[in-house]
Amino acid sequence: MMGDMTMSPQQNRVIGWLLTSKSEREPSNQLLLAGELGIDPSLIGKWKADPDFLVEWNARYLRTIGSPATKMAIMETLLQTATDEDDPKHVQAAKAYFEIEGSLRPVKTQVDVNVNGTKPSELTDAQLDALLADKATDELAKRRDAS
């Protein structure tokens, strides 16, 4: 697995920004972030498609946001809010609680891989890492967009 040292300071900043909830991101969008970093905005898009960048992004996600301790703390807070009928956000908290609760269960996932007619057993480790990172990134983006 990659460490932070293999990423440039700009890439590290972009990954940190991507791991921040959309409502708390500073700057608020990718174009402004590119301006802050002094880079072409299209470079961020290229990084987000780069297999090494995706592996690092996913690894950091799993170390921070996706850690079991973090999820359990969130679950406890959501449960307290969801069961407090006087809290105006109890319905939203209950919905979020059940969505997260479902994500904590072991899920059987089937991944169909077809890379230009190449069998999965013929993929290199790097190709397999890139495919998995890409799939994980897509899934994380869907989950973030749904919330």
N, C-alpha and C. Protein backbone atom coordinates (compact mmCIF):
# COMPACT_ATOMS: atom_id res chain seq x y z
N MET A 1 0.84 -1.18 0.00
CA MET A 1 0.00 0.00 0.00
C MET A 1 0.88 1.23 0.00
N MET A 2 0.41 2.29 -0.61
CA MET A 2 1.17 3.51 -0.71
C MET A 2 1.12 4.28 0.58
N GLY A 3 2.14 5.06 0.83
CA GLY A 3 2.16 5.97 1.96
C GLY A 3 2.01 7.39 1.46
N ASP A 4 1.84 8.31 2.39
CA ASP A 4 1.66 9.71 2.05
C ASP A 4 2.85 10.27 1.29
N MET A 5 4.05 9.69 1.47
CA MET A 5 5.25 10.25 0.88
C MET A 5 5.28 10.10 -0.64
N THR A 6 4.51 9.20 -1.21
CA THR A 6 4.52 9.02 -2.65
C THR A 6 3.66 10.06 -3.37
N MET A 7 2.85 10.78 -2.64
CA MET A 7 1.98 11.79 -3.22
C MET A 7 2.65 13.17 -3.09
N SER A 8 2.44 14.01 -4.08
CA SER A 8 2.94 15.38 -4.00
C SER A 8 2.13 16.14 -2.94
N PRO A 9 2.65 17.28 -2.47
CA PRO A 9 1.86 18.07 -1.51
C PRO A 9 0.49 18.46 -2.07
N GLN A 10 0.44 18.76 -3.39
CA GLN A 10 -0.85 19.11 -3.99
C GLN A 10 -1.80 17.91 -3.98
N GLN A 11 -1.28 16.72 -4.30
CA GLN A 11 -2.12 15.52 -4.29
C GLN A 11 -2.60 15.22 -2.88
N ASN A 12 -1.72 15.39 -1.89
CA ASN A 12 -2.14 15.18 -0.51
C ASN A 12 -3.25 16.14 -0.13
N ARG A 13 -3.14 17.38 -0.56
CA ARG A 13 -4.18 18.38 -0.26
C ARG A 13 -5.49 18.00 -0.93
N VAL A 14 -5.43 17.54 -2.18
CA VAL A 14 -6.65 17.15 -2.90
C VAL A 14 -7.30 15.96 -2.20
N ILE A 15 -6.54 14.96 -1.80
CA ILE A 15 -7.12 13.81 -1.11
C ILE A 15 -7.77 14.25 0.19
N GLY A 16 -7.09 15.11 0.94
CA GLY A 16 -7.69 15.61 2.18
C GLY A 16 -8.99 16.35 1.91
N TRP A 17 -9.00 17.14 0.85
CA TRP A 17 -10.20 17.89 0.47
C TRP A 17 -11.33 16.93 0.07
N LEU A 18 -10.99 15.89 -0.69
CA LEU A 18 -12.00 14.92 -1.12
C LEU A 18 -12.59 14.15 0.07
N LEU A 19 -11.79 13.97 1.12
CA LEU A 19 -12.26 13.24 2.30
C LEU A 19 -13.03 14.13 3.27
N THR A 20 -13.17 15.39 2.95
CA THR A 20 -13.95 16.31 3.77
C THR A 20 -15.37 16.36 3.23
N SER A 21 -16.35 16.38 4.13
CA SER A 21 -17.74 16.42 3.65
C SER A 21 -17.94 17.67 2.80
N LYS A 22 -18.81 17.56 1.80
CA LYS A 22 -19.01 18.64 0.84
C LYS A 22 -19.39 19.95 1.52
N SER A 23 -20.18 19.88 2.56
CA SER A 23 -20.62 21.11 3.23
C SER A 23 -19.49 21.80 4.00
N GLU A 24 -18.41 21.08 4.29
CA GLU A 24 -17.31 21.64 5.07
C GLU A 24 -16.05 21.90 4.24
N ARG A 25 -16.11 21.65 2.94
CA ARG A 25 -14.93 21.82 2.11
C ARG A 25 -14.57 23.29 1.94
N GLU A 26 -13.27 23.54 2.08
CA GLU A 26 -12.71 24.87 1.82
C GLU A 26 -11.53 24.68 0.91
N PRO A 27 -11.54 25.23 -0.25
CA PRO A 27 -12.61 25.99 -0.89
C PRO A 27 -13.79 25.07 -1.25
N SER A 28 -14.85 25.69 -1.68
CA SER A 28 -16.10 24.95 -1.85
C SER A 28 -16.18 24.08 -3.11
N ASN A 29 -15.30 24.30 -4.08
CA ASN A 29 -15.36 23.47 -5.28
C ASN A 29 -13.97 23.19 -5.84
N GLN A 30 -13.93 22.26 -6.75
CA GLN A 30 -12.68 21.77 -7.32
C GLN A 30 -11.93 22.86 -8.11
N LEU A 31 -12.66 23.70 -8.80
CA LEU A 31 -12.04 24.78 -9.57
C LEU A 31 -11.28 25.74 -8.64
N LEU A 32 -11.92 26.10 -7.54
CA LEU A 32 -11.26 26.99 -6.58
C LEU A 32 -10.09 26.31 -5.90
N LEU A 33 -10.22 25.00 -5.66
CA LEU A 33 -9.12 24.26 -5.06
C LEU A 33 -7.91 24.26 -6.00
N ALA A 34 -8.16 24.03 -7.28
CA ALA A 34 -7.06 24.06 -8.25
C ALA A 34 -6.39 25.43 -8.24
N GLY A 35 -7.18 26.50 -8.17
CA GLY A 35 -6.63 27.84 -8.11
C GLY A 35 -5.77 28.04 -6.87
N GLU A 36 -6.25 27.53 -5.73
CA GLU A 36 -5.49 27.63 -4.48
C GLU A 36 -4.14 26.92 -4.60
N LEU A 37 -4.16 25.77 -5.29
CA LEU A 37 -2.94 24.97 -5.43
C LEU A 37 -2.05 25.44 -6.58
N GLY A 38 -2.56 26.36 -7.40
CA GLY A 38 -1.78 26.85 -8.53
C GLY A 38 -1.60 25.82 -9.63
N ILE A 39 -2.62 24.98 -9.83
CA ILE A 39 -2.55 23.94 -10.85
C ILE A 39 -3.73 24.06 -11.80
N ASP A 40 -3.60 23.45 -12.97
CA ASP A 40 -4.69 23.41 -13.94
C ASP A 40 -5.81 22.55 -13.37
N PRO A 41 -7.06 23.01 -13.41
CA PRO A 41 -8.17 22.24 -12.86
C PRO A 41 -8.30 20.83 -13.44
N SER A 42 -7.91 20.65 -14.70
CA SER A 42 -8.02 19.32 -15.30
C SER A 42 -7.07 18.31 -14.66
N LEU A 43 -6.02 18.81 -14.02
CA LEU A 43 -5.06 17.91 -13.37
C LEU A 43 -5.72 17.14 -12.23
N ILE A 44 -6.62 17.78 -11.51
CA ILE A 44 -7.32 17.08 -10.43
C ILE A 44 -8.13 15.93 -11.00
N GLY A 45 -8.81 16.16 -12.12
CA GLY A 45 -9.56 15.09 -12.78
C GLY A 45 -8.66 13.95 -13.22
N LYS A 46 -7.48 14.29 -13.72
CA LYS A 46 -6.53 13.25 -14.13
C LYS A 46 -6.06 12.45 -12.92
N TRP A 47 -5.79 13.14 -11.82
CA TRP A 47 -5.38 12.43 -10.61
C TRP A 47 -6.48 11.48 -10.14
N LYS A 48 -7.73 11.94 -10.21
CA LYS A 48 -8.84 11.10 -9.73
C LYS A 48 -9.05 9.87 -10.60
N ALA A 49 -8.45 9.84 -11.79
CA ALA A 49 -8.51 8.67 -12.67
C ALA A 49 -7.24 7.83 -12.59
N ASP A 50 -6.22 8.33 -11.89
CA ASP A 50 -4.94 7.64 -11.79
C ASP A 50 -5.04 6.49 -10.77
N PRO A 51 -4.66 5.26 -11.16
CA PRO A 51 -4.78 4.11 -10.25
C PRO A 51 -4.04 4.30 -8.93
N ASP A 52 -2.84 4.85 -8.96
CA ASP A 52 -2.08 5.05 -7.72
C ASP A 52 -2.77 6.05 -6.80
N PHE A 53 -3.29 7.12 -7.37
CA PHE A 53 -4.01 8.13 -6.60
C PHE A 53 -5.25 7.51 -5.97
N LEU A 54 -5.99 6.70 -6.76
CA LEU A 54 -7.20 6.06 -6.26
C LEU A 54 -6.91 5.11 -5.11
N VAL A 55 -5.82 4.37 -5.22
CA VAL A 55 -5.45 3.44 -4.14
C VAL A 55 -5.16 4.22 -2.86
N GLU A 56 -4.41 5.30 -2.99
CA GLU A 56 -4.07 6.12 -1.82
C GLU A 56 -5.31 6.78 -1.23
N TRP A 57 -6.17 7.31 -2.08
CA TRP A 57 -7.42 7.95 -1.64
C TRP A 57 -8.26 6.95 -0.87
N ASN A 58 -8.43 5.76 -1.42
CA ASN A 58 -9.24 4.75 -0.76
C ASN A 58 -8.60 4.30 0.56
N ALA A 59 -7.29 4.14 0.59
CA ALA A 59 -6.61 3.72 1.82
C ALA A 59 -6.82 4.76 2.92
N ARG A 60 -6.70 6.02 2.57
CA ARG A 60 -6.90 7.08 3.56
C ARG A 60 -8.36 7.14 4.01
N TYR A 61 -9.27 6.91 3.08
CA TYR A 61 -10.69 6.87 3.45
C TYR A 61 -10.92 5.78 4.49
N LEU A 62 -10.39 4.61 4.23
CA LEU A 62 -10.60 3.49 5.14
C LEU A 62 -9.94 3.74 6.50
N ARG A 63 -8.81 4.45 6.52
CA ARG A 63 -8.13 4.75 7.79
C ARG A 63 -8.86 5.80 8.60
N THR A 64 -9.60 6.67 7.95
CA THR A 64 -10.22 7.78 8.68
C THR A 64 -11.73 7.60 8.77
N ILE A 65 -12.40 7.95 7.72
CA ILE A 65 -13.86 7.94 7.72
C ILE A 65 -14.41 6.53 7.89
N GLY A 66 -13.78 5.55 7.26
CA GLY A 66 -14.32 4.20 7.27
C GLY A 66 -13.90 3.35 8.44
N SER A 67 -13.20 3.91 9.43
CA SER A 67 -12.76 3.07 10.54
C SER A 67 -13.96 2.62 11.38
N PRO A 68 -13.93 1.41 11.89
CA PRO A 68 -15.03 0.92 12.72
C PRO A 68 -15.30 1.81 13.94
N ALA A 69 -14.25 2.34 14.55
CA ALA A 69 -14.45 3.19 15.73
C ALA A 69 -15.23 4.46 15.37
N THR A 70 -14.90 5.04 14.23
CA THR A 70 -15.61 6.24 13.78
C THR A 70 -17.06 5.92 13.49
N LYS A 71 -17.29 4.82 12.79
CA LYS A 71 -18.67 4.44 12.47
C LYS A 71 -19.48 4.18 13.74
N MET A 72 -18.87 3.54 14.72
CA MET A 72 -19.62 3.25 15.95
C MET A 72 -19.95 4.54 16.72
N ALA A 73 -19.04 5.49 16.75
CA ALA A 73 -19.31 6.77 17.41
C ALA A 73 -20.45 7.49 16.71
N ILE A 74 -20.43 7.47 15.39
CA ILE A 74 -21.50 8.10 14.61
C ILE A 74 -22.82 7.39 14.88
N MET A 75 -22.77 6.07 14.91
CA MET A 75 -23.99 5.29 15.15
C MET A 75 -24.60 5.63 16.51
N GLU A 76 -23.77 5.76 17.53
CA GLU A 76 -24.27 6.09 18.86
C GLU A 76 -24.94 7.46 18.87
N THR A 77 -24.32 8.43 18.23
CA THR A 77 -24.88 9.78 18.17
C THR A 77 -26.18 9.79 17.37
N LEU A 78 -26.19 9.10 16.24
CA LEU A 78 -27.41 9.04 15.43
C LEU A 78 -28.55 8.36 16.18
N LEU A 79 -28.23 7.29 16.89
CA LEU A 79 -29.27 6.58 17.64
C LEU A 79 -29.86 7.47 18.73
N GLN A 80 -29.01 8.23 19.43
CA GLN A 80 -29.51 9.15 20.46
C GLN A 80 -30.43 10.19 19.84
N THR A 81 -30.02 10.75 18.72
CA THR A 81 -30.84 11.77 18.05
C THR A 81 -32.12 11.16 17.49
N ALA A 82 -32.01 9.99 16.88
CA ALA A 82 -33.17 9.34 16.25
C ALA A 82 -34.24 8.95 17.26
N THR A 83 -33.84 8.64 18.46
CA THR A 83 -34.81 8.20 19.48
C THR A 83 -35.31 9.35 20.35
N ASP A 84 -34.85 10.56 20.11
CA ASP A 84 -35.30 11.74 20.84
C ASP A 84 -36.36 12.44 20.02
N GLU A 85 -37.63 12.18 20.32
CA GLU A 85 -38.73 12.74 19.53
C GLU A 85 -38.81 14.26 19.63
N ASP A 86 -38.17 14.86 20.63
CA ASP A 86 -38.17 16.31 20.75
C ASP A 86 -37.12 16.97 19.84
N ASP A 87 -36.20 16.17 19.34
CA ASP A 87 -35.17 16.70 18.45
C ASP A 87 -35.76 16.85 17.05
N PRO A 88 -35.70 18.07 16.48
CA PRO A 88 -36.30 18.28 15.16
C PRO A 88 -35.63 17.46 14.05
N LYS A 89 -34.46 16.93 14.29
CA LYS A 89 -33.76 16.15 13.27
C LYS A 89 -33.87 14.65 13.52
N HIS A 90 -34.79 14.22 14.37
CA HIS A 90 -34.84 12.79 14.70
C HIS A 90 -35.21 11.91 13.51
N VAL A 91 -36.03 12.39 12.59
CA VAL A 91 -36.39 11.58 11.43
C VAL A 91 -35.18 11.43 10.49
N GLN A 92 -34.47 12.52 10.25
CA GLN A 92 -33.26 12.46 9.42
C GLN A 92 -32.22 11.55 10.06
N ALA A 93 -32.08 11.64 11.37
CA ALA A 93 -31.09 10.81 12.07
C ALA A 93 -31.47 9.33 11.97
N ALA A 94 -32.76 9.04 12.08
CA ALA A 94 -33.21 7.65 11.98
C ALA A 94 -32.92 7.10 10.59
N LYS A 95 -33.19 7.90 9.57
CA LYS A 95 -32.91 7.46 8.20
C LYS A 95 -31.42 7.20 8.02
N ALA A 96 -30.59 8.14 8.47
CA ALA A 96 -29.14 7.97 8.35
C ALA A 96 -28.67 6.75 9.14
N TYR A 97 -29.24 6.56 10.31
CA TYR A 97 -28.85 5.42 11.15
C TYR A 97 -29.07 4.11 10.40
N PHE A 98 -30.23 3.95 9.81
CA PHE A 98 -30.54 2.69 9.12
C PHE A 98 -29.71 2.52 7.84
N GLU A 99 -29.38 3.63 7.18
CA GLU A 99 -28.51 3.53 6.01
C GLU A 99 -27.12 3.05 6.40
N ILE A 100 -26.59 3.64 7.47
CA ILE A 100 -25.26 3.24 7.93
C ILE A 100 -25.29 1.84 8.51
N GLU A 101 -26.33 1.54 9.25
CA GLU A 101 -26.45 0.21 9.85
C GLU A 101 -26.38 -0.86 8.78
N GLY A 102 -27.00 -0.60 7.66
CA GLY A 102 -26.94 -1.55 6.56
C GLY A 102 -25.54 -1.68 5.99
N SER A 103 -24.75 -0.59 6.04
CA SER A 103 -23.39 -0.65 5.51
C SER A 103 -22.43 -1.36 6.44
N LEU A 104 -22.83 -1.58 7.69
CA LEU A 104 -21.96 -2.27 8.64
C LEU A 104 -22.07 -3.78 8.52
N ARG A 105 -23.15 -4.24 7.94
CA ARG A 105 -23.33 -5.68 7.76
C ARG A 105 -22.40 -6.20 6.68
N PRO A 106 -21.94 -7.42 6.85
CA PRO A 106 -21.16 -8.01 5.76
C PRO A 106 -22.04 -8.13 4.51
N VAL A 107 -21.51 -7.69 3.42
CA VAL A 107 -22.27 -7.69 2.17
C VAL A 107 -21.56 -8.59 1.17
N LYS A 108 -22.32 -9.44 0.55
CA LYS A 108 -21.76 -10.26 -0.51
C LYS A 108 -21.79 -9.44 -1.79
N THR A 109 -20.64 -9.21 -2.33
CA THR A 109 -20.53 -8.38 -3.52
C THR A 109 -19.94 -9.21 -4.65
N GLN A 110 -20.57 -9.11 -5.78
CA GLN A 110 -20.06 -9.77 -6.96
C GLN A 110 -19.50 -8.71 -7.89
N VAL A 111 -18.26 -8.87 -8.26
CA VAL A 111 -17.63 -7.94 -9.17
C VAL A 111 -17.33 -8.68 -10.46
N ASP A 112 -17.94 -8.21 -11.53
CA ASP A 112 -17.67 -8.78 -12.84
C ASP A 112 -16.56 -7.98 -13.50
N VAL A 113 -15.50 -8.67 -13.85
CA VAL A 113 -14.35 -7.99 -14.43
C VAL A 113 -14.15 -8.49 -15.85
N ASN A 114 -14.08 -7.54 -16.77
CA ASN A 114 -13.76 -7.86 -18.14
C ASN A 114 -12.93 -6.70 -18.67
N VAL A 115 -11.66 -6.92 -18.80
CA VAL A 115 -10.76 -5.86 -19.26
C VAL A 115 -10.27 -6.22 -20.64
N ASN A 116 -10.93 -5.67 -21.61
CA ASN A 116 -10.55 -5.94 -23.00
C ASN A 116 -10.37 -7.43 -23.27
N GLY A 117 -11.28 -8.22 -22.74
CA GLY A 117 -11.22 -9.66 -22.97
C GLY A 117 -10.22 -10.40 -22.11
N THR A 118 -9.57 -9.72 -21.17
CA THR A 118 -8.58 -10.36 -20.30
C THR A 118 -9.29 -11.00 -19.12
N LYS A 119 -8.93 -12.23 -18.82
CA LYS A 119 -9.49 -12.91 -17.66
C LYS A 119 -8.93 -12.29 -16.39
N PRO A 120 -9.71 -12.24 -15.31
CA PRO A 120 -9.21 -11.66 -14.06
C PRO A 120 -7.90 -12.31 -13.59
N SER A 121 -7.75 -13.60 -13.81
CA SER A 121 -6.54 -14.28 -13.38
C SER A 121 -5.31 -13.86 -14.17
N GLU A 122 -5.52 -13.20 -15.32
CA GLU A 122 -4.40 -12.76 -16.15
C GLU A 122 -4.01 -11.30 -15.89
N LEU A 123 -4.76 -10.61 -15.02
CA LEU A 123 -4.45 -9.22 -14.71
C LEU A 123 -3.21 -9.14 -13.82
N THR A 124 -2.45 -8.10 -14.00
CA THR A 124 -1.31 -7.88 -13.10
C THR A 124 -1.85 -7.37 -11.77
N ASP A 125 -1.02 -7.41 -10.74
CA ASP A 125 -1.44 -6.89 -9.44
C ASP A 125 -1.82 -5.41 -9.55
N ALA A 126 -1.06 -4.65 -10.31
CA ALA A 126 -1.35 -3.22 -10.47
C ALA A 126 -2.69 -3.00 -11.17
N GLN A 127 -2.97 -3.80 -12.21
CA GLN A 127 -4.26 -3.67 -12.90
C GLN A 127 -5.41 -4.02 -11.97
N LEU A 128 -5.24 -5.06 -11.19
CA LEU A 128 -6.28 -5.47 -10.25
C LEU A 128 -6.48 -4.40 -9.18
N ASP A 129 -5.40 -3.85 -8.63
CA ASP A 129 -5.50 -2.77 -7.65
C ASP A 129 -6.25 -1.58 -8.23
N ALA A 130 -5.93 -1.23 -9.47
CA ALA A 130 -6.58 -0.09 -10.11
C ALA A 130 -8.07 -0.33 -10.30
N LEU A 131 -8.43 -1.53 -10.72
CA LEU A 131 -9.85 -1.84 -10.91
C LEU A 131 -10.61 -1.78 -9.58
N LEU A 132 -10.03 -2.34 -8.55
CA LEU A 132 -10.69 -2.33 -7.24
C LEU A 132 -10.79 -0.91 -6.69
N ALA A 133 -9.74 -0.15 -6.83
CA ALA A 133 -9.75 1.24 -6.35
C ALA A 133 -10.80 2.05 -7.09
N ASP A 134 -10.91 1.84 -8.39
CA ASP A 134 -11.89 2.55 -9.20
C ASP A 134 -13.31 2.21 -8.76
N LYS A 135 -13.56 0.93 -8.56
CA LYS A 135 -14.89 0.48 -8.11
C LYS A 135 -15.20 1.05 -6.73
N ALA A 136 -14.22 1.02 -5.83
CA ALA A 136 -14.42 1.55 -4.48
C ALA A 136 -14.69 3.05 -4.53
N THR A 137 -13.97 3.77 -5.36
CA THR A 137 -14.15 5.21 -5.48
C THR A 137 -15.54 5.53 -6.02
N ASP A 138 -15.99 4.78 -7.02
CA ASP A 138 -17.33 4.98 -7.56
C ASP A 138 -18.39 4.74 -6.49
N GLU A 139 -18.23 3.67 -5.73
CA GLU A 139 -19.20 3.34 -4.69
C GLU A 139 -19.22 4.42 -3.61
N LEU A 140 -18.04 4.90 -3.20
CA LEU A 140 -17.97 5.95 -2.18
C LEU A 140 -18.63 7.23 -2.68
N ALA A 141 -18.42 7.56 -3.94
CA ALA A 141 -19.03 8.76 -4.51
C ALA A 141 -20.55 8.63 -4.53
N LYS A 142 -21.05 7.45 -4.88
CA LYS A 142 -22.51 7.23 -4.87
C LYS A 142 -23.07 7.40 -3.48
N ARG A 143 -22.37 6.86 -2.48
CA ARG A 143 -22.84 6.97 -1.10
C ARG A 143 -22.82 8.42 -0.63
N ARG A 144 -21.78 9.16 -0.98
CA ARG A 144 -21.70 10.57 -0.58
C ARG A 144 -22.81 11.38 -1.25
N ASP A 145 -23.04 11.10 -2.54
CA ASP A 145 -24.06 11.83 -3.27
C ASP A 145 -25.47 11.53 -2.74
N ALA A 146 -25.65 10.30 -2.23
CA ALA A 146 -26.96 9.91 -1.71
C ALA A 146 -27.25 10.56 -0.37
N SER A 147 -26.21 11.00 0.33
CA SER A 147 -26.45 11.58 1.66
C SER A 147 -26.65 13.07 1.60
